[in-house]
Amino acid sequence: MDLQKAGMARLLLAAPELRDSPWMMQDLVFLHLCEVFEHACLRRDALRCSPEKDDETLLRFEEECRALQAAAVAYIREQRKFSGIV
């Protein structure tokens, strides 16, 4: 699975009501958000599993993942609103 698809899967698990938006597969901004989100999640997951935990860095990546998720969900909702997609 590539980074875009993995990131999209994570995002849509968090916001299942947005799954019926096939236009997202062609939206370059959304696909880029998915890729960046997946990178952040992978770094966060690695820190979670690390035997030498750095709590400050882990908290920073946790917040980055939440912010990217919120940005992606907000982007989808805005695009759906302005394009007339329900």
PDB file of N, CA and C in Angstrom:
ATOM      1  N   MET A   1       0.866  -1.178   0.000  1.00  0.00           N
ATOM      2  CA  MET A   1       0.000   0.000   0.000  1.00  0.00           C
ATOM      3  C   MET A   1       0.908   1.234   0.000  1.00  0.00           C
ATOM      4  N   ASP A   2       0.603   2.186  -0.851  1.00  0.00           N
ATOM      5  CA  ASP A   2       1.438   3.381  -0.887  1.00  0.00           C
ATOM      6  C   ASP A   2       1.030   4.354   0.217  1.00  0.00           C
ATOM      7  N   LEU A   3       1.843   5.378   0.388  1.00  0.00           N
ATOM      8  CA  LEU A   3       1.614   6.321   1.487  1.00  0.00           C
ATOM      9  C   LEU A   3       0.283   7.050   1.366  1.00  0.00           C
ATOM     10  N   GLN A   4      -0.097   7.435   0.155  1.00  0.00           N
ATOM     11  CA  GLN A   4      -1.372   8.142  -0.017  1.00  0.00           C
ATOM     12  C   GLN A   4      -2.542   7.265   0.398  1.00  0.00           C
ATOM     13  N   LYS A   5      -2.547   6.029  -0.048  1.00  0.00           N
ATOM     14  CA  LYS A   5      -3.650   5.131   0.281  1.00  0.00           C
ATOM     15  C   LYS A   5      -3.684   4.815   1.770  1.00  0.00           C
ATOM     16  N   ALA A   6      -2.521   4.606   2.361  1.00  0.00           N
ATOM     17  CA  ALA A   6      -2.466   4.321   3.791  1.00  0.00           C
ATOM     18  C   ALA A   6      -2.956   5.520   4.600  1.00  0.00           C
ATOM     19  N   GLY A   7      -2.521   6.715   4.213  1.00  0.00           N
ATOM     20  CA  GLY A   7      -2.980   7.922   4.901  1.00  0.00           C
ATOM     21  C   GLY A   7      -4.469   8.136   4.743  1.00  0.00           C
ATOM     22  N   MET A   8      -4.983   7.875   3.534  1.00  0.00           N
ATOM     23  CA  MET A   8      -6.414   8.022   3.292  1.00  0.00           C
ATOM     24  C   MET A   8      -7.202   7.029   4.150  1.00  0.00           C
ATOM     25  N   ALA A   9      -6.715   5.811   4.247  1.00  0.00           N
ATOM     26  CA  ALA A   9      -7.397   4.808   5.063  1.00  0.00           C
ATOM     27  C   ALA A   9      -7.458   5.253   6.522  1.00  0.00           C
ATOM     28  N   ARG A  10      -6.353   5.781   7.032  1.00  0.00           N
ATOM     29  CA  ARG A  10      -6.345   6.262   8.418  1.00  0.00           C
ATOM     30  C   ARG A  10      -7.323   7.422   8.603  1.00  0.00           C
ATOM     31  N   LEU A  11      -7.322   8.338   7.646  1.00  0.00           N
ATOM     32  CA  LEU A  11      -8.214   9.497   7.763  1.00  0.00           C
ATOM     33  C   LEU A  11      -9.681   9.092   7.706  1.00  0.00           C
ATOM     34  N   LEU A  12     -10.001   8.178   6.825  1.00  0.00           N
ATOM     35  CA  LEU A  12     -11.398   7.786   6.677  1.00  0.00           C
ATOM     36  C   LEU A  12     -11.877   6.896   7.815  1.00  0.00           C
ATOM     37  N   LEU A  13     -10.962   6.257   8.510  1.00  0.00           N
ATOM     38  CA  LEU A  13     -11.347   5.551   9.733  1.00  0.00           C
ATOM     39  C   LEU A  13     -11.767   6.547  10.803  1.00  0.00           C
ATOM     40  N   ALA A  14     -11.100   7.682  10.815  1.00  0.00           N
ATOM     41  CA  ALA A  14     -11.404   8.713  11.807  1.00  0.00           C
ATOM     42  C   ALA A  14     -12.674   9.486  11.466  1.00  0.00           C
ATOM     43  N   ALA A  15     -13.026   9.535  10.197  1.00  0.00           N
ATOM     44  CA  ALA A  15     -14.211  10.289   9.755  1.00  0.00           C
ATOM     45  C   ALA A  15     -15.011   9.443   8.769  1.00  0.00           C
ATOM     46  N   PRO A  16     -15.679   8.400   9.243  1.00  0.00           N
ATOM     47  CA  PRO A  16     -16.374   7.481   8.335  1.00  0.00           C
ATOM     48  C   PRO A  16     -17.489   8.131   7.518  1.00  0.00           C
ATOM     49  N   GLU A  17     -18.039   9.230   8.001  1.00  0.00           N
ATOM     50  CA  GLU A  17     -19.112   9.884   7.257  1.00  0.00           C
ATOM     51  C   GLU A  17     -18.628  10.488   5.941  1.00  0.00           C
ATOM     52  N   LEU A  18     -17.331  10.585   5.779  1.00  0.00           N
ATOM     53  CA  LEU A  18     -16.769  11.192   4.574  1.00  0.00           C
ATOM     54  C   LEU A  18     -16.339  10.159   3.534  1.00  0.00           C
ATOM     55  N   ARG A  19     -16.592   8.910   3.774  1.00  0.00           N
ATOM     56  CA  ARG A  19     -16.116   7.848   2.876  1.00  0.00           C
ATOM     57  C   ARG A  19     -16.742   7.875   1.494  1.00  0.00           C
ATOM     58  N   ASP A  20     -17.920   8.391   1.364  1.00  0.00           N
ATOM     59  CA  ASP A  20     -18.612   8.386   0.066  1.00  0.00           C
ATOM     60  C   ASP A  20     -18.276   9.621  -0.757  1.00  0.00           C
ATOM     61  N   SER A  21     -17.020   9.915  -0.883  1.00  0.00           N
ATOM     62  CA  SER A  21     -16.560  11.068  -1.652  1.00  0.00           C
ATOM     63  C   SER A  21     -15.504  10.626  -2.652  1.00  0.00           C
ATOM     64  N   PRO A  22     -15.920   9.984  -3.752  1.00  0.00           N
ATOM     65  CA  PRO A  22     -14.938   9.441  -4.707  1.00  0.00           C
ATOM     66  C   PRO A  22     -14.079  10.506  -5.379  1.00  0.00           C
ATOM     67  N   TRP A  23     -14.514  11.757  -5.393  1.00  0.00           N
ATOM     68  CA  TRP A  23     -13.726  12.823  -6.013  1.00  0.00           C
ATOM     69  C   TRP A  23     -12.373  12.985  -5.325  1.00  0.00           C
ATOM     70  N   MET A  24     -12.285  12.549  -4.074  1.00  0.00           N
ATOM     71  CA  MET A  24     -11.040  12.722  -3.317  1.00  0.00           C
ATOM     72  C   MET A  24      -9.871  11.998  -3.969  1.00  0.00           C
ATOM     73  N   MET A  25     -10.160  10.918  -4.679  1.00  0.00           N
ATOM     74  CA  MET A  25      -9.094  10.146  -5.315  1.00  0.00           C
ATOM     75  C   MET A  25      -8.378  10.940  -6.408  1.00  0.00           C
ATOM     76  N   GLN A  26      -9.001  12.011  -6.888  1.00  0.00           N
ATOM     77  CA  GLN A  26      -8.413  12.835  -7.940  1.00  0.00           C
ATOM     78  C   GLN A  26      -7.941  14.201  -7.434  1.00  0.00           C
ATOM     79  N   ASP A  27      -8.215  14.509  -6.188  1.00  0.00           N
ATOM     80  CA  ASP A  27      -7.892  15.819  -5.626  1.00  0.00           C
ATOM     81  C   ASP A  27      -6.443  15.821  -5.128  1.00  0.00           C
ATOM     82  N   LEU A  28      -5.578  16.569  -5.803  1.00  0.00           N
ATOM     83  CA  LEU A  28      -4.157  16.560  -5.480  1.00  0.00           C
ATOM     84  C   LEU A  28      -3.853  17.108  -4.092  1.00  0.00           C
ATOM     85  N   VAL A  29      -4.602  18.107  -3.656  1.00  0.00           N
ATOM     86  CA  VAL A  29      -4.385  18.667  -2.314  1.00  0.00           C
ATOM     87  C   VAL A  29      -4.704  17.616  -1.262  1.00  0.00           C
ATOM     88  N   PHE A  30      -5.841  16.958  -1.414  1.00  0.00           N
ATOM     89  CA  PHE A  30      -6.222  15.928  -0.454  1.00  0.00           C
ATOM     90  C   PHE A  30      -5.228  14.777  -0.461  1.00  0.00           C
ATOM     91  N   LEU A  31      -4.788  14.344  -1.629  1.00  0.00           N
ATOM     92  CA  LEU A  31      -3.825  13.242  -1.715  1.00  0.00           C
ATOM     93  C   LEU A  31      -2.502  13.611  -1.057  1.00  0.00           C
ATOM     94  N   HIS A  32      -2.104  14.869  -1.199  1.00  0.00           N
ATOM     95  CA  HIS A  32      -0.879  15.328  -0.531  1.00  0.00           C
ATOM     96  C   HIS A  32      -1.079  15.328   0.991  1.00  0.00           C
ATOM     97  N   LEU A  33      -2.229  15.783   1.455  1.00  0.00           N
ATOM     98  CA  LEU A  33      -2.527  15.731   2.885  1.00  0.00           C
ATOM     99  C   LEU A  33      -2.471  14.301   3.409  1.00  0.00           C
ATOM    100  N   CYS A  34      -2.982  13.363   2.632  1.00  0.00           N
ATOM    101  CA  CYS A  34      -2.949  11.951   3.033  1.00  0.00           C
ATOM    102  C   CYS A  34      -1.512  11.467   3.190  1.00  0.00           C
ATOM    103  N   GLU A  35      -0.663  11.840   2.253  1.00  0.00           N
ATOM    104  CA  GLU A  35       0.733  11.405   2.299  1.00  0.00           C
ATOM    105  C   GLU A  35       1.466  12.008   3.500  1.00  0.00           C
ATOM    106  N   VAL A  36       1.278  13.291   3.731  1.00  0.00           N
ATOM    107  CA  VAL A  36       1.921  13.958   4.864  1.00  0.00           C
ATOM    108  C   VAL A  36       1.397  13.374   6.176  1.00  0.00           C
ATOM    109  N   PHE A  37       0.093  13.120   6.238  1.00  0.00           N
ATOM    110  CA  PHE A  37      -0.512  12.525   7.421  1.00  0.00           C
ATOM    111  C   PHE A  37       0.087  11.145   7.695  1.00  0.00           C
ATOM    112  N   GLU A  38       0.245  10.336   6.660  1.00  0.00           N
ATOM    113  CA  GLU A  38       0.805   8.992   6.850  1.00  0.00           C
ATOM    114  C   GLU A  38       2.251   9.060   7.342  1.00  0.00           C
ATOM    115  N   HIS A  39       3.044   9.977   6.792  1.00  0.00           N
ATOM    116  CA  HIS A  39       4.424  10.144   7.271  1.00  0.00           C
ATOM    117  C   HIS A  39       4.428  10.474   8.759  1.00  0.00           C
ATOM    118  N   ALA A  40       3.591  11.406   9.171  1.00  0.00           N
ATOM    119  CA  ALA A  40       3.530  11.803  10.577  1.00  0.00           C
ATOM    120  C   ALA A  40       3.079  10.631  11.453  1.00  0.00           C
ATOM    121  N   CYS A  41       2.105   9.883  10.978  1.00  0.00           N
ATOM    122  CA  CYS A  41       1.611   8.730  11.747  1.00  0.00           C
ATOM    123  C   CYS A  41       2.679   7.651  11.881  1.00  0.00           C
ATOM    124  N   LEU A  42       3.432   7.423  10.824  1.00  0.00           N
ATOM    125  CA  LEU A  42       4.499   6.424  10.885  1.00  0.00           C
ATOM    126  C   LEU A  42       5.581   6.833  11.885  1.00  0.00           C
ATOM    127  N   ARG A  43       5.933   8.113  11.885  1.00  0.00           N
ATOM    128  CA  ARG A  43       6.927   8.594  12.859  1.00  0.00           C
ATOM    129  C   ARG A  43       6.379   8.466  14.274  1.00  0.00           C
ATOM    130  N   ARG A  44       5.109   8.836  14.462  1.00  0.00           N
ATOM    131  CA  ARG A  44       4.473   8.720  15.774  1.00  0.00           C
ATOM    132  C   ARG A  44       4.437   7.264  16.232  1.00  0.00           C
ATOM    133  N   ASP A  45       4.053   6.363  15.335  1.00  0.00           N
ATOM    134  CA  ASP A  45       3.966   4.944  15.674  1.00  0.00           C
ATOM    135  C   ASP A  45       5.339   4.381  16.046  1.00  0.00           C
ATOM    136  N   ALA A  46       6.373   4.806  15.328  1.00  0.00           N
ATOM    137  CA  ALA A  46       7.729   4.361  15.655  1.00  0.00           C
ATOM    138  C   ALA A  46       8.140   4.848  17.036  1.00  0.00           C
ATOM    139  N   LEU A  47       7.785   6.077  17.353  1.00  0.00           N
ATOM    140  CA  LEU A  47       8.111   6.611  18.685  1.00  0.00           C
ATOM    141  C   LEU A  47       7.338   5.885  19.776  1.00  0.00           C
ATOM    142  N   ARG A  48       6.104   5.529  19.503  1.00  0.00           N
ATOM    143  CA  ARG A  48       5.308   4.793  20.485  1.00  0.00           C
ATOM    144  C   ARG A  48       5.934   3.443  20.818  1.00  0.00           C
ATOM    145  N   CYS A  49       6.530   2.809  19.814  1.00  0.00           N
ATOM    146  CA  CYS A  49       7.100   1.464  19.976  1.00  0.00           C
ATOM    147  C   CYS A  49       8.561   1.475  20.403  1.00  0.00           C
ATOM    148  N   SER A  50       9.162   2.617  20.409  1.00  0.00           N
ATOM    149  CA  SER A  50      10.583   2.720  20.715  1.00  0.00           C
ATOM    150  C   SER A  50      10.856   2.362  22.183  1.00  0.00           C
ATOM    151  N   PRO A  51      11.896   1.563  22.423  1.00  0.00           N
ATOM    152  CA  PRO A  51      12.224   1.232  23.815  1.00  0.00           C
ATOM    153  C   PRO A  51      12.752   2.449  24.587  1.00  0.00           C
ATOM    154  N   GLU A  52      13.336   3.388  23.869  1.00  0.00           N
ATOM    155  CA  GLU A  52      13.837   4.617  24.493  1.00  0.00           C
ATOM    156  C   GLU A  52      12.880   5.750  24.150  1.00  0.00           C
ATOM    157  N   LYS A  53      11.842   5.872  24.918  1.00  0.00           N
ATOM    158  CA  LYS A  53      10.792   6.842  24.614  1.00  0.00           C
ATOM    159  C   LYS A  53      11.247   8.272  24.912  1.00  0.00           C
ATOM    160  N   ASP A  54      10.890   9.144  23.996  1.00  0.00           N
ATOM    161  CA  ASP A  54      11.101  10.582  24.170  1.00  0.00           C
ATOM    162  C   ASP A  54       9.709  11.186  24.222  1.00  0.00           C
ATOM    163  N   ASP A  55       9.203  11.378  25.434  1.00  0.00           N
ATOM    164  CA  ASP A  55       7.817  11.807  25.603  1.00  0.00           C
ATOM    165  C   ASP A  55       7.522  13.140  24.929  1.00  0.00           C
ATOM    166  N   GLU A  56       8.450  14.053  24.985  1.00  0.00           N
ATOM    167  CA  GLU A  56       8.226  15.372  24.381  1.00  0.00           C
ATOM    168  C   GLU A  56       8.060  15.262  22.861  1.00  0.00           C
ATOM    169  N   THR A  57       8.910  14.486  22.229  1.00  0.00           N
ATOM    170  CA  THR A  57       8.819  14.297  20.782  1.00  0.00           C
ATOM    171  C   THR A  57       7.549  13.541  20.420  1.00  0.00           C
ATOM    172  N   LEU A  58       7.216  12.519  21.200  1.00  0.00           N
ATOM    173  CA  LEU A  58       5.987  11.761  20.953  1.00  0.00           C
ATOM    174  C   LEU A  58       4.771  12.668  21.046  1.00  0.00           C
ATOM    175  N   LEU A  59       4.709  13.507  22.064  1.00  0.00           N
ATOM    176  CA  LEU A  59       3.583  14.442  22.198  1.00  0.00           C
ATOM    177  C   LEU A  59       3.508  15.402  21.014  1.00  0.00           C
ATOM    178  N   ARG A  60       4.660  15.833  20.526  1.00  0.00           N
ATOM    179  CA  ARG A  60       4.690  16.737  19.366  1.00  0.00           C
ATOM    180  C   ARG A  60       4.118  16.038  18.127  1.00  0.00           C
ATOM    181  N   PHE A  61       4.489  14.776  17.923  1.00  0.00           N
ATOM    182  CA  PHE A  61       3.958  14.047  16.777  1.00  0.00           C
ATOM    183  C   PHE A  61       2.491  13.684  16.951  1.00  0.00           C
ATOM    184  N   GLU A  62       2.069  13.411  18.173  1.00  0.00           N
ATOM    185  CA  GLU A  62       0.643  13.169  18.434  1.00  0.00           C
ATOM    186  C   GLU A  62      -0.167  14.404  18.033  1.00  0.00           C
ATOM    187  N   GLU A  63       0.317  15.567  18.426  1.00  0.00           N
ATOM    188  CA  GLU A  63      -0.377  16.813  18.090  1.00  0.00           C
ATOM    189  C   GLU A  63      -0.339  17.078  16.591  1.00  0.00           C
ATOM    190  N   GLU A  64       0.780  16.799  15.958  1.00  0.00           N
ATOM    191  CA  GLU A  64       0.878  16.994  14.508  1.00  0.00           C
ATOM    192  C   GLU A  64      -0.123  16.098  13.776  1.00  0.00           C
ATOM    193  N   CYS A  65      -0.243  14.856  14.219  1.00  0.00           N
ATOM    194  CA  CYS A  65      -1.196  13.940  13.589  1.00  0.00           C
ATOM    195  C   CYS A  65      -2.631  14.427  13.771  1.00  0.00           C
ATOM    196  N   ARG A  66      -2.963  14.885  14.968  1.00  0.00           N
ATOM    197  CA  ARG A  66      -4.321  15.416  15.207  1.00  0.00           C
ATOM    198  C   ARG A  66      -4.592  16.642  14.346  1.00  0.00           C
ATOM    199  N   ALA A  67      -3.605  17.518  14.227  1.00  0.00           N
ATOM    200  CA  ALA A  67      -3.780  18.734  13.424  1.00  0.00           C
ATOM    201  C   ALA A  67      -3.939  18.397  11.941  1.00  0.00           C
ATOM    202  N   LEU A  68      -3.145  17.472  11.441  1.00  0.00           N
ATOM    203  CA  LEU A  68      -3.261  17.074  10.033  1.00  0.00           C
ATOM    204  C   LEU A  68      -4.594  16.388   9.764  1.00  0.00           C
ATOM    205  N   GLN A  69      -5.029  15.567  10.697  1.00  0.00           N
ATOM    206  CA  GLN A  69      -6.326  14.906  10.544  1.00  0.00           C
ATOM    207  C   GLN A  69      -7.446  15.935  10.514  1.00  0.00           C
ATOM    208  N   ALA A  70      -7.404  16.895  11.420  1.00  0.00           N
ATOM    209  CA  ALA A  70      -8.424  17.938  11.454  1.00  0.00           C
ATOM    210  C   ALA A  70      -8.402  18.767  10.175  1.00  0.00           C
ATOM    211  N   ALA A  71      -7.211  19.069   9.681  1.00  0.00           N
ATOM    212  CA  ALA A  71      -7.096  19.853   8.443  1.00  0.00           C
ATOM    213  C   ALA A  71      -7.665  19.089   7.252  1.00  0.00           C
ATOM    214  N   ALA A  72      -7.378  17.799   7.174  1.00  0.00           N
ATOM    215  CA  ALA A  72      -7.881  16.997   6.060  1.00  0.00           C
ATOM    216  C   ALA A  72      -9.402  16.876   6.112  1.00  0.00           C
ATOM    217  N   VAL A  73      -9.947  16.627   7.279  1.00  0.00           N
ATOM    218  CA  VAL A  73     -11.404  16.508   7.421  1.00  0.00           C
ATOM    219  C   VAL A  73     -12.068  17.843   7.092  1.00  0.00           C
ATOM    220  N   ALA A  74     -11.503  18.939   7.568  1.00  0.00           N
ATOM    221  CA  ALA A  74     -12.052  20.263   7.262  1.00  0.00           C
ATOM    222  C   ALA A  74     -11.989  20.535   5.761  1.00  0.00           C
ATOM    223  N   TYR A  75     -10.903  20.149   5.122  1.00  0.00           N
ATOM    224  CA  TYR A  75     -10.764  20.346   3.684  1.00  0.00           C
ATOM    225  C   TYR A  75     -11.849  19.576   2.932  1.00  0.00           C
ATOM    226  N   ILE A  76     -12.051  18.323   3.303  1.00  0.00           N
ATOM    227  CA  ILE A  76     -13.084  17.510   2.646  1.00  0.00           C
ATOM    228  C   ILE A  76     -14.452  18.161   2.817  1.00  0.00           C
ATOM    229  N   ARG A  77     -14.754  18.567   4.024  1.00  0.00           N
ATOM    230  CA  ARG A  77     -16.072  19.169   4.290  1.00  0.00           C
ATOM    231  C   ARG A  77     -16.258  20.459   3.498  1.00  0.00           C
ATOM    232  N   GLU A  78     -15.228  21.267   3.412  1.00  0.00           N
ATOM    233  CA  GLU A  78     -15.317  22.511   2.641  1.00  0.00           C
ATOM    234  C   GLU A  78     -15.512  22.226   1.156  1.00  0.00           C
ATOM    235  N   GLN A  79     -14.769  21.274   0.637  1.00  0.00           N
ATOM    236  CA  GLN A  79     -14.893  20.939  -0.781  1.00  0.00           C
ATOM    237  C   GLN A  79     -16.285  20.408  -1.093  1.00  0.00           C
ATOM    238  N   ARG A  80     -16.809  19.596  -0.213  1.00  0.00           N
ATOM    239  CA  ARG A  80     -18.152  19.046  -0.425  1.00  0.00           C
ATOM    240  C   ARG A  80     -19.199  20.161  -0.372  1.00  0.00           C
ATOM    241  N   LYS A  81     -19.005  21.107   0.533  1.00  0.00           N
ATOM    242  CA  LYS A  81     -19.962  22.202   0.685  1.00  0.00           C
ATOM    243  C   LYS A  81     -19.974  23.093  -0.552  1.00  0.00           C
ATOM    244  N   PHE A  82     -18.794  23.453  -1.045  1.00  0.00           N
ATOM    245  CA  PHE A  82     -18.711  24.379  -2.164  1.00  0.00           C
ATOM    246  C   PHE A  82     -18.986  23.728  -3.516  1.00  0.00           C
ATOM    247  N   SER A  83     -18.794  22.429  -3.590  1.00  0.00           N
ATOM    248  CA  SER A  83     -19.036  21.774  -4.870  1.00  0.00           C
ATOM    249  C   SER A  83     -20.458  21.262  -4.995  1.00  0.00           C
ATOM    250  N   GLY A  84     -21.229  21.376  -3.923  1.00  0.00           N
ATOM    251  CA  GLY A  84     -22.594  20.907  -3.957  1.00  0.00           C
ATOM    252  C   GLY A  84     -22.722  19.418  -3.735  1.00  0.00           C
ATOM    253  N   ILE A  85     -21.606  18.759  -3.402  1.00  0.00           N
ATOM    254  CA  ILE A  85     -21.636  17.330  -3.125  1.00  0.00           C
ATOM    255  C   ILE A  85     -22.155  17.146  -1.712  1.00  0.00           C
ATOM    256  N   VAL A  86     -23.056  16.210  -1.575  1.00  0.00           N
ATOM    257  CA  VAL A  86     -23.630  15.959  -0.246  1.00  0.00           C
ATOM    258  C   VAL A  86     -22.939  14.797   0.406  1.00  0.00           C
TER     259      VAL A  86
END
